[in-house]
Each structure stands twice: as C-alpha cells, then as structure tokens.
Amino acid sequence: MGLWSFLEGILLLANAMAILNEERFLAPRGWTLAEATGPSRSSLKGKIIGFIHACQFLRLPLILFNIITIIVKLFAG
C-alpha cells in the first residue's frame, strides 16, 4: 500500500462522513454536536462527532480534493 492509496482511503472516509444527515441518521443515535459538549468532548465518541461535523463543514474543499484526485487518476492511470 503506497502513500497515494492511503490518501485515497482518507478521502473516501471523509466523503462518507460528509454525506451523513444529522436529522435522519445521527440524531436518533445520539451523535449530535450538542450532545458532545463539556467533558465528553475529549472522549472517542466526541472526537468522532467532531470529525463528522468538520467533514460536513468543509464540503467545498472536499469537492476540490475529489476533483484533483479524479484528474490525477485520469492522467496517471
């Protein structure tokens, strides 16, 4: 596994986190940002919730990274 494959995997994970709907998927399971405040913010669940919301917030740069990845894959094979 090379560095490029690793970066593609991280990009795919960020894409998966960015499309999660808070009202339909996260809220019924108790994974909202409001529930991860205070001391629970430093727990593993709080860090995952923070990562999900960061991916949702940074959708525009994520789209740019996807476009760059597609262009590189088209030219490099």
N, C-alpha and C. Protein backbone atom coordinates (compact mmCIF):
# COMPACT_ATOMS: atom_id res chain seq x y z
N MET A 1 0.85 -1.17 0.00
CA MET A 1 0.00 0.00 0.00
C MET A 1 0.90 1.23 0.00
N GLY A 2 0.70 2.06 -0.97
CA GLY A 2 1.50 3.26 -1.09
C GLY A 2 0.84 4.45 -0.45
N LEU A 3 1.54 5.55 -0.50
CA LEU A 3 1.04 6.79 0.09
C LEU A 3 -0.21 7.27 -0.65
N TRP A 4 -0.23 7.12 -1.98
CA TRP A 4 -1.39 7.57 -2.75
C TRP A 4 -2.64 6.77 -2.37
N SER A 5 -2.51 5.47 -2.19
CA SER A 5 -3.65 4.64 -1.79
C SER A 5 -4.14 5.03 -0.40
N PHE A 6 -3.22 5.34 0.48
CA PHE A 6 -3.59 5.77 1.83
C PHE A 6 -4.36 7.09 1.79
N LEU A 7 -3.89 8.04 0.99
CA LEU A 7 -4.58 9.33 0.86
C LEU A 7 -5.96 9.17 0.22
N GLU A 8 -6.08 8.27 -0.74
CA GLU A 8 -7.39 7.99 -1.33
C GLU A 8 -8.34 7.40 -0.31
N GLY A 9 -7.84 6.54 0.55
CA GLY A 9 -8.67 5.97 1.60
C GLY A 9 -9.17 7.02 2.57
N ILE A 10 -8.31 7.95 2.95
CA ILE A 10 -8.71 9.04 3.83
C ILE A 10 -9.76 9.92 3.15
N LEU A 11 -9.58 10.18 1.86
CA LEU A 11 -10.54 10.97 1.10
C LEU A 11 -11.90 10.27 1.03
N LEU A 12 -11.90 8.97 0.82
CA LEU A 12 -13.16 8.22 0.79
C LEU A 12 -13.84 8.24 2.16
N LEU A 13 -13.08 8.14 3.23
CA LEU A 13 -13.65 8.21 4.57
C LEU A 13 -14.25 9.58 4.84
N ALA A 14 -13.55 10.63 4.43
CA ALA A 14 -14.08 11.99 4.61
C ALA A 14 -15.34 12.20 3.79
N ASN A 15 -15.40 11.63 2.58
CA ASN A 15 -16.61 11.71 1.77
C ASN A 15 -17.77 11.01 2.46
N ALA A 16 -17.51 9.85 3.02
CA ALA A 16 -18.57 9.11 3.71
C ALA A 16 -19.10 9.89 4.91
N MET A 17 -18.23 10.55 5.64
CA MET A 17 -18.66 11.32 6.81
C MET A 17 -19.40 12.59 6.40
N ALA A 18 -19.05 13.16 5.25
CA ALA A 18 -19.65 14.41 4.82
C ALA A 18 -21.10 14.25 4.38
N ILE A 19 -21.48 13.05 3.94
CA ILE A 19 -22.84 12.89 3.43
C ILE A 19 -23.83 12.41 4.49
N LEU A 20 -23.37 12.19 5.72
CA LEU A 20 -24.28 11.75 6.77
C LEU A 20 -25.25 12.87 7.13
N ASN A 21 -26.52 12.55 7.18
CA ASN A 21 -27.54 13.53 7.52
C ASN A 21 -27.75 13.53 9.03
N GLU A 22 -27.66 14.70 9.63
CA GLU A 22 -27.75 14.79 11.09
C GLU A 22 -29.14 14.43 11.61
N GLU A 23 -30.18 14.92 10.96
CA GLU A 23 -31.53 14.68 11.45
C GLU A 23 -31.97 13.23 11.25
N ARG A 24 -31.61 12.64 10.12
CA ARG A 24 -32.10 11.30 9.81
C ARG A 24 -31.21 10.19 10.36
N PHE A 25 -29.92 10.43 10.46
CA PHE A 25 -29.01 9.35 10.84
C PHE A 25 -28.34 9.56 12.19
N LEU A 26 -27.83 10.75 12.43
CA LEU A 26 -27.03 10.98 13.63
C LEU A 26 -27.87 11.23 14.88
N ALA A 27 -28.92 12.04 14.78
CA ALA A 27 -29.71 12.41 15.96
C ALA A 27 -30.40 11.22 16.62
N PRO A 28 -31.00 10.28 15.89
CA PRO A 28 -31.62 9.14 16.57
C PRO A 28 -30.63 8.26 17.34
N ARG A 29 -29.38 8.33 16.97
CA ARG A 29 -28.35 7.52 17.64
C ARG A 29 -27.60 8.29 18.72
N GLY A 30 -27.94 9.56 18.90
CA GLY A 30 -27.30 10.37 19.92
C GLY A 30 -25.93 10.88 19.53
N TRP A 31 -25.70 11.13 18.25
CA TRP A 31 -24.39 11.56 17.76
C TRP A 31 -24.43 12.99 17.26
N THR A 32 -25.16 13.87 17.92
CA THR A 32 -25.21 15.27 17.51
C THR A 32 -24.10 16.05 18.22
N LEU A 33 -23.80 17.21 17.68
CA LEU A 33 -22.75 18.04 18.26
C LEU A 33 -23.16 18.59 19.62
N ALA A 34 -24.45 18.79 19.83
CA ALA A 34 -24.94 19.31 21.10
C ALA A 34 -24.73 18.31 22.25
N GLU A 35 -24.73 17.03 21.93
CA GLU A 35 -24.55 16.01 22.96
C GLU A 35 -23.08 15.77 23.29
N ALA A 36 -22.18 16.30 22.49
CA ALA A 36 -20.75 16.10 22.70
C ALA A 36 -20.11 17.37 23.23
N THR A 37 -20.68 17.97 24.25
CA THR A 37 -20.11 19.17 24.83
C THR A 37 -19.56 18.85 26.21
N GLY A 38 -18.70 19.69 26.68
CA GLY A 38 -18.15 19.53 28.02
C GLY A 38 -17.09 18.45 28.08
N PRO A 39 -17.08 17.66 29.17
CA PRO A 39 -16.03 16.65 29.33
C PRO A 39 -16.14 15.50 28.33
N SER A 40 -17.33 15.25 27.78
CA SER A 40 -17.47 14.16 26.83
C SER A 40 -16.86 14.51 25.47
N ARG A 41 -16.46 15.76 25.29
CA ARG A 41 -15.85 16.20 24.03
C ARG A 41 -14.49 15.55 23.80
N SER A 42 -13.79 15.20 24.87
CA SER A 42 -12.47 14.60 24.72
C SER A 42 -12.53 13.08 24.62
N SER A 43 -13.71 12.49 24.71
CA SER A 43 -13.82 11.04 24.58
C SER A 43 -13.73 10.65 23.10
N LEU A 44 -13.65 9.36 22.84
CA LEU A 44 -13.55 8.88 21.47
C LEU A 44 -14.82 9.24 20.68
N LYS A 45 -15.97 9.09 21.31
CA LYS A 45 -17.23 9.44 20.66
C LYS A 45 -17.27 10.93 20.33
N GLY A 46 -16.82 11.77 21.24
CA GLY A 46 -16.79 13.21 21.00
C GLY A 46 -15.86 13.59 19.86
N LYS A 47 -14.72 12.90 19.77
CA LYS A 47 -13.78 13.18 18.68
C LYS A 47 -14.34 12.73 17.33
N ILE A 48 -15.05 11.61 17.31
CA ILE A 48 -15.66 11.14 16.07
C ILE A 48 -16.76 12.11 15.63
N ILE A 49 -17.57 12.58 16.58
CA ILE A 49 -18.61 13.55 16.27
C ILE A 49 -17.99 14.84 15.72
N GLY A 50 -16.91 15.28 16.32
CA GLY A 50 -16.21 16.47 15.83
C GLY A 50 -15.67 16.27 14.42
N PHE A 51 -15.15 15.07 14.13
CA PHE A 51 -14.65 14.77 12.79
C PHE A 51 -15.77 14.77 11.76
N ILE A 52 -16.92 14.21 12.14
CA ILE A 52 -18.08 14.18 11.23
C ILE A 52 -18.52 15.60 10.90
N HIS A 53 -18.61 16.44 11.91
CA HIS A 53 -19.06 17.82 11.67
C HIS A 53 -18.01 18.65 10.93
N ALA A 54 -16.74 18.35 11.14
CA ALA A 54 -15.70 19.05 10.38
C ALA A 54 -15.77 18.67 8.90
N CYS A 55 -16.03 17.40 8.61
CA CYS A 55 -16.18 16.97 7.22
C CYS A 55 -17.40 17.61 6.57
N GLN A 56 -18.47 17.74 7.33
CA GLN A 56 -19.67 18.37 6.78
C GLN A 56 -19.46 19.86 6.57
N PHE A 57 -18.70 20.48 7.42
CA PHE A 57 -18.44 21.91 7.30
C PHE A 57 -17.51 22.22 6.12
N LEU A 58 -16.57 21.35 5.86
CA LEU A 58 -15.56 21.58 4.82
C LEU A 58 -15.90 20.83 3.54
N ARG A 59 -17.15 20.88 3.12
CA ARG A 59 -17.56 20.18 1.90
C ARG A 59 -16.95 20.78 0.65
N LEU A 60 -16.81 22.08 0.59
CA LEU A 60 -16.26 22.71 -0.61
C LEU A 60 -14.80 22.31 -0.86
N PRO A 61 -13.91 22.37 0.14
CA PRO A 61 -12.55 21.86 -0.11
C PRO A 61 -12.53 20.37 -0.42
N LEU A 62 -13.48 19.62 0.15
CA LEU A 62 -13.57 18.19 -0.12
C LEU A 62 -13.92 17.94 -1.59
N ILE A 63 -14.80 18.77 -2.14
CA ILE A 63 -15.13 18.66 -3.56
C ILE A 63 -13.90 18.95 -4.41
N LEU A 64 -13.13 19.95 -4.00
CA LEU A 64 -11.90 20.28 -4.73
C LEU A 64 -10.90 19.12 -4.69
N PHE A 65 -10.73 18.50 -3.54
CA PHE A 65 -9.82 17.35 -3.43
C PHE A 65 -10.31 16.18 -4.27
N ASN A 66 -11.62 15.99 -4.35
CA ASN A 66 -12.17 14.93 -5.20
C ASN A 66 -11.87 15.20 -6.67
N ILE A 67 -12.02 16.44 -7.09
CA ILE A 67 -11.73 16.79 -8.49
C ILE A 67 -10.26 16.58 -8.80
N ILE A 68 -9.39 16.99 -7.89
CA ILE A 68 -7.95 16.80 -8.10
C ILE A 68 -7.61 15.32 -8.18
N THR A 69 -8.22 14.51 -7.31
CA THR A 69 -7.97 13.07 -7.33
C THR A 69 -8.44 12.44 -8.63
N ILE A 70 -9.60 12.86 -9.13
CA ILE A 70 -10.11 12.33 -10.40
C ILE A 70 -9.18 12.70 -11.55
N ILE A 71 -8.71 13.94 -11.57
CA ILE A 71 -7.81 14.37 -12.65
C ILE A 71 -6.50 13.60 -12.60
N VAL A 72 -5.95 13.41 -11.41
CA VAL A 72 -4.69 12.65 -11.29
C VAL A 72 -4.89 11.21 -11.72
N LYS A 73 -6.02 10.62 -11.35
CA LYS A 73 -6.28 9.23 -11.74
C LYS A 73 -6.50 9.11 -13.26
N LEU A 74 -7.07 10.14 -13.87
CA LEU A 74 -7.26 10.10 -15.32
C LEU A 74 -5.93 10.13 -16.06
N PHE A 75 -4.99 10.95 -15.60
CA PHE A 75 -3.72 11.09 -16.29
C PHE A 75 -2.69 10.04 -15.87
N ALA A 76 -2.70 9.64 -14.60
CA ALA A 76 -1.70 8.70 -14.13
C ALA A 76 -2.14 7.24 -14.29
N GLY A 77 -3.42 7.04 -14.39
CA GLY A 77 -3.92 5.67 -14.58
C GLY A 77 -4.22 5.05 -13.34
